């Protein structure tokens, strides 16, 4: 399902632990890492798609997470032409995403990368909140930055001083001001 502007509706999922580190998955047989994400099926709302993708890609069920927040609007990124399937060229530009911030309320051992018959990830780790912005493939960096900037307000203020955003030009402080 591609919209009239050439974007495929999609959800992005940021899962954080109690230390506000984020789940970072390594794509199967690739040396590339990303947040879980996936398409929204026809007739499916973003939250339902998020729970489906969460179970398929990470093996987590609704009882393993708490929704902390989501982006207000769609965030878009264009996929480089050479990455687009030949049959989609000409009418596919990229993804438009609603991003969700989840808190893992279960255990690390609840993560199961083999929950589906077609796994997306073959390894995972906890990373610093802002680390994925610089580590993800270049054409996704701006959407990751925008999603994390918007979602950070949902994190508890007592742990925010550790979340220094390395990409902002100004010296901004989180939590209690000195």
N, C-alpha and C. Protein backbone atom coordinates (compact mmCIF):
# COMPACT_ATOMS: atom_id res chain seq x y z
N UNK A 1 0.85 -1.18 0.00
CA UNK A 1 0.00 0.00 0.00
C UNK A 1 0.90 1.25 0.00
N UNK A 2 0.90 1.96 -1.09
CA UNK A 2 1.70 3.18 -1.23
C UNK A 2 0.74 4.35 -1.43
N UNK A 3 0.96 5.45 -0.71
CA UNK A 3 0.05 6.60 -0.83
C UNK A 3 0.30 7.35 -2.14
N UNK A 4 -0.51 8.36 -2.40
CA UNK A 4 -0.45 9.10 -3.66
C UNK A 4 0.88 9.84 -3.86
N UNK A 5 1.61 10.10 -2.75
CA UNK A 5 2.89 10.79 -2.84
C UNK A 5 4.07 9.82 -2.96
N UNK A 6 3.79 8.51 -2.95
CA UNK A 6 4.84 7.52 -3.12
C UNK A 6 5.44 6.98 -1.84
N UNK A 7 4.76 7.20 -0.71
CA UNK A 7 5.27 6.72 0.57
C UNK A 7 4.44 5.55 1.10
N UNK A 8 5.15 4.55 1.62
CA UNK A 8 4.52 3.38 2.21
C UNK A 8 4.30 3.64 3.70
N UNK A 9 3.06 3.54 4.20
CA UNK A 9 2.80 3.73 5.64
C UNK A 9 3.51 2.65 6.46
N UNK A 10 4.09 3.06 7.56
CA UNK A 10 4.99 2.22 8.31
C UNK A 10 4.99 2.66 9.77
N UNK A 11 5.39 1.77 10.67
CA UNK A 11 5.61 2.13 12.07
C UNK A 11 7.07 1.90 12.41
N UNK A 12 7.61 2.75 13.26
CA UNK A 12 8.94 2.59 13.82
C UNK A 12 8.78 2.38 15.32
N UNK A 13 9.63 1.53 15.90
CA UNK A 13 9.48 1.16 17.30
C UNK A 13 10.79 1.37 18.05
N UNK A 14 10.74 2.22 19.06
CA UNK A 14 11.88 2.44 19.95
C UNK A 14 11.51 1.79 21.28
N UNK A 15 12.24 0.75 21.65
CA UNK A 15 12.01 0.06 22.91
C UNK A 15 13.13 0.47 23.86
N UNK A 16 12.78 0.95 25.04
CA UNK A 16 13.83 1.33 25.99
C UNK A 16 13.70 0.51 27.27
N UNK A 17 14.83 0.36 27.94
CA UNK A 17 14.84 -0.33 29.22
C UNK A 17 14.75 0.71 30.33
N UNK A 18 14.91 0.29 31.58
CA UNK A 18 14.77 1.22 32.70
C UNK A 18 15.92 2.23 32.77
N UNK A 19 17.01 1.97 32.06
CA UNK A 19 18.14 2.92 32.01
C UNK A 19 18.04 3.83 30.78
N UNK A 20 16.93 3.76 30.08
CA UNK A 20 16.68 4.53 28.85
C UNK A 20 17.67 4.21 27.74
N UNK A 21 18.21 3.00 27.77
CA UNK A 21 18.96 2.49 26.63
C UNK A 21 17.93 1.93 25.67
N UNK A 22 18.26 1.89 24.39
CA UNK A 22 17.29 1.48 23.37
C UNK A 22 17.69 0.17 22.70
N UNK A 23 16.68 -0.60 22.33
CA UNK A 23 16.87 -1.85 21.61
C UNK A 23 17.41 -1.54 20.23
N UNK A 24 18.47 -2.22 19.85
CA UNK A 24 19.13 -1.99 18.57
C UNK A 24 19.33 -3.35 17.93
N UNK A 25 18.67 -3.59 16.77
CA UNK A 25 18.70 -4.89 16.13
C UNK A 25 19.59 -4.94 14.89
N UNK A 26 20.32 -6.05 14.75
CA UNK A 26 21.18 -6.26 13.58
C UNK A 26 20.39 -7.05 12.54
N UNK A 27 20.29 -6.51 11.35
CA UNK A 27 19.53 -7.15 10.28
C UNK A 27 20.17 -8.49 9.90
N UNK A 28 19.33 -9.47 9.61
CA UNK A 28 19.79 -10.81 9.27
C UNK A 28 20.80 -10.77 8.12
N UNK A 29 21.94 -11.42 8.34
CA UNK A 29 23.00 -11.58 7.34
C UNK A 29 23.51 -10.25 6.77
N UNK A 30 23.40 -9.19 7.53
CA UNK A 30 23.92 -7.88 7.10
C UNK A 30 24.70 -7.27 8.25
N UNK A 31 25.53 -6.32 7.94
CA UNK A 31 26.21 -5.57 8.98
C UNK A 31 25.54 -4.21 9.14
N UNK A 32 24.22 -4.22 9.24
CA UNK A 32 23.47 -2.98 9.44
C UNK A 32 22.51 -3.18 10.61
N UNK A 33 22.37 -2.13 11.36
CA UNK A 33 21.55 -2.14 12.58
C UNK A 33 20.44 -1.12 12.44
N UNK A 34 19.30 -1.39 13.07
CA UNK A 34 18.18 -0.46 13.02
C UNK A 34 17.19 -0.76 14.14
N UNK A 35 16.24 0.16 14.30
CA UNK A 35 15.11 -0.08 15.19
C UNK A 35 14.13 -1.00 14.47
N UNK A 36 13.32 -1.75 15.22
CA UNK A 36 12.25 -2.51 14.57
C UNK A 36 11.31 -1.55 13.83
N UNK A 37 10.84 -1.98 12.69
CA UNK A 37 9.88 -1.19 11.92
C UNK A 37 9.16 -2.11 10.95
N UNK A 38 8.03 -1.66 10.43
CA UNK A 38 7.34 -2.47 9.45
C UNK A 38 6.10 -1.78 8.92
N UNK A 39 5.61 -2.30 7.82
CA UNK A 39 4.49 -1.71 7.12
C UNK A 39 3.16 -1.84 7.86
N UNK A 40 2.29 -0.89 7.59
CA UNK A 40 0.92 -0.92 8.11
C UNK A 40 0.06 -1.54 7.03
N UNK A 41 -0.62 -2.61 7.37
CA UNK A 41 -1.47 -3.31 6.41
C UNK A 41 -2.77 -2.56 6.20
N UNK A 42 -3.40 -2.78 5.07
CA UNK A 42 -4.69 -2.16 4.76
C UNK A 42 -5.69 -2.47 5.86
N UNK A 43 -6.36 -1.44 6.38
CA UNK A 43 -7.36 -1.60 7.43
C UNK A 43 -6.78 -1.66 8.83
N UNK A 44 -5.46 -1.59 8.96
CA UNK A 44 -4.79 -1.69 10.26
C UNK A 44 -4.44 -0.28 10.74
N UNK A 45 -4.63 0.00 12.02
CA UNK A 45 -4.21 1.30 12.54
C UNK A 45 -2.75 1.20 13.01
N UNK A 46 -2.07 2.34 13.21
CA UNK A 46 -0.66 2.29 13.58
C UNK A 46 -0.36 1.49 14.86
N UNK A 47 -1.21 1.60 15.87
CA UNK A 47 -0.94 0.87 17.11
C UNK A 47 -1.03 -0.64 16.88
N UNK A 48 -2.03 -1.09 16.15
CA UNK A 48 -2.15 -2.52 15.84
C UNK A 48 -0.95 -3.01 15.03
N UNK A 49 -0.51 -2.20 14.07
CA UNK A 49 0.67 -2.55 13.28
C UNK A 49 1.91 -2.63 14.16
N UNK A 50 2.03 -1.70 15.10
CA UNK A 50 3.18 -1.69 16.01
C UNK A 50 3.22 -2.99 16.81
N UNK A 51 2.08 -3.40 17.39
CA UNK A 51 2.06 -4.63 18.18
C UNK A 51 2.35 -5.86 17.32
N UNK A 52 1.85 -5.87 16.11
CA UNK A 52 2.11 -7.00 15.20
C UNK A 52 3.60 -7.07 14.86
N UNK A 53 4.19 -5.93 14.48
CA UNK A 53 5.61 -5.89 14.14
C UNK A 53 6.48 -6.21 15.36
N UNK A 54 6.08 -5.73 16.52
CA UNK A 54 6.82 -6.00 17.75
C UNK A 54 6.89 -7.51 18.00
N UNK A 55 5.79 -8.20 17.81
CA UNK A 55 5.77 -9.64 18.01
C UNK A 55 6.55 -10.37 16.92
N UNK A 56 6.37 -9.96 15.66
CA UNK A 56 7.04 -10.63 14.55
C UNK A 56 8.56 -10.45 14.58
N UNK A 57 9.02 -9.23 14.87
CA UNK A 57 10.45 -8.93 14.77
C UNK A 57 11.23 -9.16 16.06
N UNK A 58 10.56 -8.95 17.21
CA UNK A 58 11.26 -8.98 18.48
C UNK A 58 10.71 -10.06 19.41
N UNK A 59 9.54 -10.60 19.10
CA UNK A 59 8.96 -11.64 19.92
C UNK A 59 8.29 -11.15 21.18
N UNK A 60 8.13 -9.84 21.31
CA UNK A 60 7.49 -9.28 22.51
C UNK A 60 5.99 -9.14 22.30
N UNK A 61 5.25 -9.40 23.36
CA UNK A 61 3.80 -9.30 23.36
C UNK A 61 3.40 -8.01 24.10
N UNK A 62 2.13 -7.59 23.97
CA UNK A 62 1.70 -6.36 24.65
C UNK A 62 1.99 -6.34 26.15
N UNK A 63 1.93 -7.49 26.82
CA UNK A 63 2.18 -7.53 28.26
C UNK A 63 3.66 -7.33 28.62
N UNK A 64 4.55 -7.35 27.62
CA UNK A 64 5.97 -7.15 27.87
C UNK A 64 6.39 -5.69 27.78
N UNK A 65 5.49 -4.81 27.31
CA UNK A 65 5.85 -3.41 27.08
C UNK A 65 4.76 -2.47 27.56
N UNK A 66 5.15 -1.23 27.74
CA UNK A 66 4.21 -0.15 28.04
C UNK A 66 4.45 0.94 26.99
N UNK A 67 3.38 1.42 26.37
CA UNK A 67 3.52 2.54 25.42
C UNK A 67 3.73 3.81 26.22
N UNK A 68 4.85 4.49 25.98
CA UNK A 68 5.13 5.77 26.63
C UNK A 68 4.64 6.93 25.78
N UNK A 69 4.69 6.78 24.46
CA UNK A 69 4.26 7.87 23.58
C UNK A 69 4.43 7.48 22.13
N UNK A 70 4.00 8.39 21.27
CA UNK A 70 4.14 8.21 19.83
C UNK A 70 4.29 9.57 19.18
N UNK A 71 4.81 9.57 17.96
CA UNK A 71 4.94 10.84 17.25
C UNK A 71 3.55 11.33 16.84
N UNK A 72 3.40 12.63 16.80
CA UNK A 72 2.10 13.23 16.47
C UNK A 72 1.78 13.08 14.98
N UNK A 73 2.80 13.20 14.15
CA UNK A 73 2.61 13.19 12.70
C UNK A 73 3.52 12.16 12.04
N UNK A 74 3.28 11.97 10.77
CA UNK A 74 4.12 11.08 9.97
C UNK A 74 5.50 11.69 9.81
N UNK A 75 6.52 10.86 9.92
CA UNK A 75 7.90 11.25 9.61
C UNK A 75 8.28 10.49 8.35
N UNK A 76 8.89 11.17 7.39
CA UNK A 76 9.17 10.54 6.09
C UNK A 76 10.66 10.47 5.80
N UNK A 77 11.03 9.42 5.07
CA UNK A 77 12.37 9.37 4.50
C UNK A 77 12.28 8.77 3.10
N UNK A 78 13.14 9.27 2.23
CA UNK A 78 13.23 8.76 0.86
C UNK A 78 14.28 7.66 0.80
N UNK A 79 13.97 6.62 0.07
CA UNK A 79 14.90 5.53 -0.14
C UNK A 79 15.68 5.83 -1.43
N UNK A 80 17.01 5.70 -1.40
CA UNK A 80 17.78 5.94 -2.63
C UNK A 80 17.28 5.06 -3.77
N UNK A 81 17.23 5.62 -4.94
CA UNK A 81 16.67 4.93 -6.11
C UNK A 81 17.27 3.54 -6.32
N UNK A 82 18.57 3.41 -6.11
CA UNK A 82 19.22 2.11 -6.35
C UNK A 82 18.79 1.04 -5.33
N UNK A 83 18.13 1.45 -4.24
CA UNK A 83 17.64 0.50 -3.24
C UNK A 83 16.19 0.10 -3.50
N UNK A 84 15.52 0.79 -4.42
CA UNK A 84 14.10 0.53 -4.70
C UNK A 84 13.97 -0.62 -5.68
N UNK A 85 13.05 -1.53 -5.37
CA UNK A 85 12.78 -2.64 -6.29
C UNK A 85 12.42 -2.11 -7.66
N UNK A 86 12.90 -2.78 -8.67
CA UNK A 86 12.68 -2.33 -10.05
C UNK A 86 11.19 -2.10 -10.36
N UNK A 87 10.34 -3.00 -9.91
CA UNK A 87 8.90 -2.88 -10.21
C UNK A 87 8.23 -1.72 -9.48
N UNK A 88 8.87 -1.17 -8.43
CA UNK A 88 8.30 -0.05 -7.69
C UNK A 88 8.81 1.30 -8.18
N UNK A 89 9.89 1.30 -8.98
CA UNK A 89 10.49 2.57 -9.41
C UNK A 89 9.48 3.38 -10.19
N UNK A 90 9.49 4.67 -9.93
CA UNK A 90 8.57 5.57 -10.61
C UNK A 90 7.39 5.95 -9.74
N UNK A 91 6.96 5.08 -8.81
CA UNK A 91 5.84 5.45 -7.95
C UNK A 91 6.13 5.25 -6.47
N UNK A 92 7.29 4.73 -6.11
CA UNK A 92 7.68 4.55 -4.70
C UNK A 92 8.82 5.49 -4.37
N UNK A 93 8.65 6.29 -3.30
CA UNK A 93 9.70 7.22 -2.86
C UNK A 93 10.37 6.76 -1.58
N UNK A 94 9.56 6.18 -0.65
CA UNK A 94 10.12 5.81 0.64
C UNK A 94 9.05 5.44 1.64
N UNK A 95 9.35 5.71 2.90
CA UNK A 95 8.46 5.34 4.00
C UNK A 95 7.94 6.59 4.70
N UNK A 96 6.70 6.51 5.16
CA UNK A 96 6.19 7.50 6.10
C UNK A 96 5.84 6.72 7.35
N UNK A 97 6.33 7.22 8.49
CA UNK A 97 6.26 6.44 9.71
C UNK A 97 5.63 7.19 10.88
N UNK A 98 4.89 6.43 11.68
CA UNK A 98 4.50 6.84 13.01
C UNK A 98 5.43 6.07 13.94
N UNK A 99 6.09 6.77 14.85
CA UNK A 99 7.05 6.16 15.76
C UNK A 99 6.45 6.01 17.15
N UNK A 100 6.71 4.87 17.77
CA UNK A 100 6.26 4.58 19.13
C UNK A 100 7.46 4.43 20.04
N UNK A 101 7.34 4.96 21.26
CA UNK A 101 8.33 4.75 22.30
C UNK A 101 7.72 3.81 23.32
N UNK A 102 8.38 2.68 23.53
CA UNK A 102 7.90 1.66 24.46
C UNK A 102 8.90 1.48 25.59
N UNK A 103 8.39 1.13 26.76
CA UNK A 103 9.24 0.73 27.88
C UNK A 103 9.11 -0.78 28.02
N UNK A 104 10.23 -1.48 28.04
CA UNK A 104 10.21 -2.92 28.29
C UNK A 104 9.85 -3.13 29.75
N UNK A 105 8.71 -3.77 30.01
CA UNK A 105 8.29 -4.09 31.37
C UNK A 105 8.58 -5.56 31.68
N UNK A 106 8.84 -6.33 30.64
CA UNK A 106 9.23 -7.73 30.82
C UNK A 106 10.73 -7.81 31.05
N UNK A 107 11.29 -8.96 30.74
CA UNK A 107 12.72 -9.21 30.93
C UNK A 107 13.42 -9.26 29.58
N UNK A 108 14.72 -9.06 29.58
CA UNK A 108 15.50 -9.19 28.35
C UNK A 108 15.29 -10.56 27.72
N UNK A 109 15.12 -11.57 28.56
CA UNK A 109 14.95 -12.94 28.05
C UNK A 109 13.61 -13.13 27.33
N UNK A 110 12.70 -12.17 27.43
CA UNK A 110 11.43 -12.24 26.68
C UNK A 110 11.63 -11.94 25.19
N UNK A 111 12.74 -11.29 24.86
CA UNK A 111 13.05 -10.99 23.46
C UNK A 111 13.34 -12.30 22.74
N UNK A 112 12.68 -12.50 21.60
CA UNK A 112 12.88 -13.71 20.80
C UNK A 112 12.94 -13.30 19.33
N UNK A 113 14.14 -13.28 18.78
CA UNK A 113 14.31 -12.85 17.40
C UNK A 113 13.83 -13.88 16.39
N UNK A 114 13.49 -15.07 16.83
CA UNK A 114 13.01 -16.15 15.94
C UNK A 114 11.51 -16.38 16.12
N UNK A 115 10.77 -15.34 16.48
CA UNK A 115 9.33 -15.47 16.71
C UNK A 115 8.55 -15.71 15.42
N UNK A 116 9.11 -15.29 14.30
CA UNK A 116 8.43 -15.49 13.02
C UNK A 116 9.27 -16.41 12.13
N UNK A 117 8.67 -16.88 11.06
CA UNK A 117 9.39 -17.76 10.14
C UNK A 117 10.37 -17.00 9.25
N UNK A 118 10.26 -15.67 9.24
CA UNK A 118 11.17 -14.82 8.46
C UNK A 118 11.76 -13.75 9.36
N UNK A 119 12.75 -14.11 10.19
CA UNK A 119 13.32 -13.14 11.14
C UNK A 119 13.93 -11.93 10.43
N UNK A 120 13.80 -10.78 11.06
CA UNK A 120 14.40 -9.54 10.56
C UNK A 120 15.79 -9.33 11.15
N UNK A 121 15.99 -9.79 12.39
CA UNK A 121 17.23 -9.56 13.12
C UNK A 121 17.87 -10.88 13.51
N UNK A 122 19.22 -10.89 13.55
CA UNK A 122 19.91 -12.08 14.05
C UNK A 122 20.75 -11.77 15.29
N UNK A 123 20.71 -10.52 15.76
CA UNK A 123 21.38 -10.14 17.00
C UNK A 123 20.74 -8.84 17.49
N UNK A 124 20.91 -8.56 18.78
CA UNK A 124 20.41 -7.30 19.32
C UNK A 124 21.25 -6.92 20.53
N UNK A 125 21.14 -5.64 20.91
CA UNK A 125 21.84 -5.14 22.09
C UNK A 125 21.13 -3.87 22.58
N UNK A 126 21.45 -3.47 23.79
CA UNK A 126 21.00 -2.18 24.31
C UNK A 126 22.05 -1.15 23.93
N UNK A 127 21.61 0.00 23.43
CA UNK A 127 22.51 1.08 23.04
C UNK A 127 22.08 2.37 23.72
N UNK A 128 22.98 3.33 23.77
CA UNK A 128 22.63 4.65 24.29
C UNK A 128 21.50 5.25 23.47
N UNK A 129 20.68 6.08 24.10
CA UNK A 129 19.48 6.63 23.45
C UNK A 129 19.78 7.27 22.11
N UNK A 130 20.85 8.06 22.00
CA UNK A 130 21.13 8.79 20.77
C UNK A 130 22.06 8.06 19.81
N UNK A 131 22.69 6.96 20.24
CA UNK A 131 23.65 6.25 19.39
C UNK A 131 23.10 5.84 18.02
N UNK A 132 21.85 5.39 17.92
CA UNK A 132 21.34 4.96 16.61
C UNK A 132 21.33 6.03 15.53
N UNK A 133 21.25 7.30 15.91
CA UNK A 133 21.19 8.36 14.89
C UNK A 133 22.42 8.32 13.99
N UNK A 134 23.58 8.17 14.59
CA UNK A 134 24.82 8.15 13.81
C UNK A 134 25.10 6.78 13.20
N UNK A 135 24.52 5.73 13.78
CA UNK A 135 24.85 4.37 13.36
C UNK A 135 23.95 3.82 12.25
N UNK A 136 22.76 4.38 12.09
CA UNK A 136 21.83 3.86 11.07
C UNK A 136 22.28 4.33 9.68
N UNK A 137 21.82 3.63 8.66
CA UNK A 137 22.13 4.00 7.28
C UNK A 137 21.78 5.49 7.07
N UNK A 138 22.59 6.16 6.30
CA UNK A 138 22.52 7.62 6.18
C UNK A 138 21.13 8.16 5.82
N UNK A 139 20.42 7.52 4.90
CA UNK A 139 19.13 8.09 4.47
C UNK A 139 18.05 8.00 5.54
N UNK A 140 18.28 7.27 6.64
CA UNK A 140 17.32 7.20 7.75
C UNK A 140 17.72 8.10 8.92
N UNK A 141 18.89 8.71 8.88
CA UNK A 141 19.39 9.45 10.03
C UNK A 141 18.47 10.60 10.46
N UNK A 142 17.97 11.38 9.52
CA UNK A 142 17.14 12.52 9.90
C UNK A 142 15.83 12.07 10.54
N UNK A 143 15.21 11.02 10.03
CA UNK A 143 13.96 10.56 10.62
C UNK A 143 14.22 9.97 12.01
N UNK A 144 15.34 9.30 12.21
CA UNK A 144 15.69 8.79 13.54
C UNK A 144 15.87 9.97 14.50
N UNK A 145 16.61 10.98 14.07
CA UNK A 145 16.84 12.16 14.91
C UNK A 145 15.52 12.82 15.28
N UNK A 146 14.65 13.01 14.30
CA UNK A 146 13.35 13.65 14.55
C UNK A 146 12.49 12.82 15.50
N UNK A 147 12.46 11.51 15.30
CA UNK A 147 11.66 10.64 16.16
C UNK A 147 12.18 10.68 17.60
N UNK A 148 13.49 10.53 17.78
CA UNK A 148 14.05 10.53 19.13
C UNK A 148 13.88 11.88 19.82
N UNK A 149 14.02 12.97 19.07
CA UNK A 149 13.81 14.29 19.66
C UNK A 149 12.38 14.45 20.14
N UNK A 150 11.42 14.01 19.34
CA UNK A 150 10.02 14.16 19.73
C UNK A 150 9.65 13.22 20.88
N UNK A 151 10.19 12.02 20.88
CA UNK A 151 9.80 11.02 21.87
C UNK A 151 10.51 11.18 23.22
N UNK A 152 11.63 11.87 23.26
CA UNK A 152 12.37 11.96 24.52
C UNK A 152 11.56 12.59 25.65
N UNK A 153 10.57 13.40 25.34
CA UNK A 153 9.77 14.05 26.38
C UNK A 153 8.96 13.06 27.20
N UNK A 154 8.79 11.83 26.68
CA UNK A 154 8.03 10.82 27.40
C UNK A 154 8.86 10.03 28.40
N UNK A 155 10.18 10.25 28.40
CA UNK A 155 11.04 9.54 29.33
C UNK A 155 11.01 10.23 30.68
N UNK A 156 11.21 9.47 31.74
CA UNK A 156 11.15 10.05 33.08
C UNK A 156 12.24 11.09 33.26
N UNK A 157 11.89 12.19 33.88
CA UNK A 157 12.82 13.32 34.01
C UNK A 157 14.02 13.00 34.89
N UNK A 158 13.90 12.06 35.84
CA UNK A 158 15.03 11.76 36.71
C UNK A 158 16.18 11.07 35.96
N UNK A 159 15.91 10.49 34.81
CA UNK A 159 16.99 9.83 34.07
C UNK A 159 17.43 10.64 32.85
N UNK A 160 16.79 11.77 32.60
CA UNK A 160 17.14 12.55 31.42
C UNK A 160 18.52 13.20 31.43
N UNK A 161 19.11 13.55 32.57
CA UNK A 161 20.43 14.16 32.50
C UNK A 161 21.47 13.30 31.79
N UNK A 162 21.29 11.99 31.74
CA UNK A 162 22.23 11.11 31.05
C UNK A 162 22.03 11.14 29.53
N UNK A 163 20.99 11.78 29.05
CA UNK A 163 20.65 11.72 27.63
C UNK A 163 21.13 12.94 26.86
N UNK A 164 22.38 13.30 26.98
CA UNK A 164 22.91 14.44 26.24
C UNK A 164 22.80 14.17 24.75
N UNK A 165 22.10 15.01 24.05
CA UNK A 165 21.89 14.86 22.61
C UNK A 165 23.13 15.37 21.89
N UNK A 166 23.90 14.50 21.24
CA UNK A 166 25.16 14.93 20.61
C UNK A 166 24.98 15.70 19.31
N UNK A 167 23.77 15.80 18.80
CA UNK A 167 23.58 16.39 17.47
C UNK A 167 23.00 17.81 17.51
N UNK A 168 22.65 18.29 18.69
CA UNK A 168 22.11 19.64 18.77
C UNK A 168 23.26 20.65 18.81
N UNK A 169 23.07 21.77 18.16
CA UNK A 169 24.11 22.80 18.11
C UNK A 169 24.24 23.51 19.45
N UNK A 170 23.13 23.77 20.12
CA UNK A 170 23.18 24.52 21.38
C UNK A 170 23.47 23.58 22.54
N UNK A 171 23.92 24.11 23.63
CA UNK A 171 24.13 23.34 24.86
C UNK A 171 22.80 23.34 25.61
N UNK A 172 22.06 22.28 25.45
CA UNK A 172 20.76 22.16 26.11
C UNK A 172 20.91 21.19 27.27
N UNK A 173 20.27 21.48 28.38
CA UNK A 173 20.33 20.60 29.54
C UNK A 173 18.98 19.93 29.73
N UNK A 174 19.02 18.69 30.18
CA UNK A 174 17.81 17.93 30.43
C UNK A 174 17.57 17.82 31.92
N UNK A 175 16.32 17.68 32.31
CA UNK A 175 15.99 17.49 33.72
C UNK A 175 16.23 18.77 34.48
N UNK A 176 16.79 18.67 35.68
CA UNK A 176 17.06 19.83 36.53
C UNK A 176 18.15 20.69 35.91
N UNK A 177 17.92 21.97 35.89
CA UNK A 177 18.91 22.89 35.33
C UNK A 177 19.93 23.23 36.41
N UNK A 178 21.22 23.32 36.04
CA UNK A 178 22.27 23.62 37.03
C UNK A 178 22.16 25.05 37.54
